[in-house]
C-alpha cells in the first residue's frame, strides 16, 4: 500500500530563488545544503534539502551544464525498500 511521498527532486537554474519560494512562501524548512564539486555530469552541483511535514523537496542546481527540459510524457518514480517479494518491471 502506498503510504507517503518521501521526496521530490527539482532541478532549477535559480537555486536561491527556489529556496526562498519553498521556505518563505510554502513554509518548508532547511534540512541540508551540500556542494558537490564534481557531479556525474562532470560539473559542480548544489543540493538543498527542504522538509514540510515529513515530505522533502530536493532542489538541485548544476553549474556549467545544460539540463534537458522536463519530459513531455508521463513519468512515475518510486522507491521500494528491501521487499524481496516484488519483481522489478520496466516502465516508461
Foldseek 3Di string as FASTA:
>chain_A
DDDDAQEAEDEDQDVVVVVCCCCVPVNWAWDDWDWDQQDPVGHIKIWTWTDDPNYIYIYMYTPPDDDDDDDPDDDDDDDDPPDVVDDDDDDD
